[in-house]
Amino acid sequence: MTSSPTSFVPSADFGTGYYFGRFAEPNYPGFGAGKSLSNGTFYLVVMEEYVTGEANVGALLSIASNEIFYNVTTTTTTT
């Protein structure tokens, strides 16, 4: 994700984000030559569906997210 999650509702727009590269010459079979990025911020979000063995309607859902600062070259201090 490229913005912080604001709600926990179904969305058809779940496959967006930064393109970090694919297989490409001349460094095949490496990760590839992706987009260069500095001072980037993105979000790692994990959504888990689970059951407890108790009788319930449908599975239970949980979500966790972290803000990731990638290749940061500047800093700011908040007070």
Protein backbone atom coordinates (compact mmCIF):
# COMPACT_ATOMS: atom_id res chain seq x y z
CA MET A 1 0.00 0.00 0.00
CA THR A 2 1.13 3.54 -0.57
CA SER A 3 -1.14 5.20 1.99
CA SER A 4 -2.06 4.38 5.54
CA PRO A 5 -5.15 2.15 5.93
CA THR A 6 -8.11 4.25 7.01
CA SER A 7 -10.89 1.67 7.15
CA PHE A 8 -11.42 -2.06 7.17
CA VAL A 9 -13.94 -2.57 4.38
CA PRO A 10 -13.80 -4.60 1.15
CA SER A 11 -12.09 -2.86 -1.74
CA ALA A 12 -11.59 -3.84 -5.37
CA ASP A 13 -8.46 -1.64 -5.46
CA PHE A 14 -6.07 -3.84 -3.48
CA GLY A 15 -3.30 -4.46 -6.01
CA THR A 16 -1.70 -1.00 -6.23
CA GLY A 17 1.70 0.16 -5.02
CA TYR A 18 5.29 0.65 -6.14
CA TYR A 19 6.83 -1.38 -8.93
CA PHE A 20 10.18 -2.68 -7.63
CA GLY A 21 11.19 -4.67 -10.71
CA ARG A 22 11.01 -8.02 -12.46
CA PHE A 23 13.44 -10.32 -14.21
CA ALA A 24 15.43 -8.23 -16.68
CA GLU A 25 18.75 -8.35 -18.52
CA PRO A 26 21.62 -7.93 -17.85
CA ASN A 27 21.29 -9.26 -14.29
CA TYR A 28 19.03 -12.25 -15.02
CA PRO A 29 18.06 -14.27 -12.97
CA GLY A 30 18.27 -11.57 -10.30
CA PHE A 31 15.43 -9.46 -8.99
CA GLY A 32 15.60 -7.15 -11.98
CA ALA A 33 15.89 -3.45 -12.62
CA GLY A 34 13.03 -1.73 -10.85
CA LYS A 35 12.05 1.84 -10.23
CA SER A 36 14.55 3.94 -8.30
CA LEU A 37 13.19 5.47 -5.10
CA SER A 38 14.52 7.66 -2.31
CA ASN A 39 12.74 9.05 0.73
CA GLY A 40 9.93 6.60 0.00
CA THR A 41 7.15 5.74 2.40
CA PHE A 42 4.98 2.68 1.98
CA TYR A 43 2.88 0.46 4.19
CA LEU A 44 3.19 -3.24 4.87
CA VAL A 45 -0.26 -4.61 5.65
CA VAL A 46 -1.05 -8.16 6.72
CA MET A 47 -4.63 -9.36 6.81
CA GLU A 48 -5.27 -12.72 8.42
CA GLU A 49 -8.38 -14.86 8.35
CA TYR A 50 -8.62 -17.48 11.09
CA VAL A 51 -11.01 -19.71 13.00
CA THR A 52 -10.97 -20.69 16.67
CA GLY A 53 -12.88 -23.96 16.51
CA GLU A 54 -15.83 -22.35 18.26
CA ALA A 55 -19.18 -22.13 16.50
CA ASN A 56 -19.44 -18.80 14.69
CA VAL A 57 -20.68 -17.36 11.43
CA GLY A 58 -17.74 -17.10 9.04
CA ALA A 59 -14.09 -16.74 9.93
CA LEU A 60 -12.51 -14.03 12.06
CA LEU A 61 -10.33 -11.33 10.50
CA SER A 62 -7.41 -9.34 11.88
CA ILE A 63 -5.27 -6.67 10.25
CA ALA A 64 -1.84 -5.29 11.14
CA SER A 65 0.09 -2.55 9.35
CA ASN A 66 3.50 -0.87 9.59
CA GLU A 67 4.75 2.31 7.97
CA ILE A 68 8.04 1.63 6.12
CA PHE A 69 10.54 4.39 5.31
CA TYR A 70 12.65 3.24 2.35
CA ASN A 71 16.06 4.66 1.34
CA VAL A 72 15.56 7.74 3.51
CA THR A 73 18.25 10.40 3.05
CA THR A 74 16.72 13.20 5.12
CA THR A 75 15.48 13.33 8.69
CA THR A 76 13.02 15.47 10.59
CA THR A 77 12.54 15.84 14.32
CA THR A 78 9.11 16.26 15.85
CA THR A 79 8.59 17.78 19.28
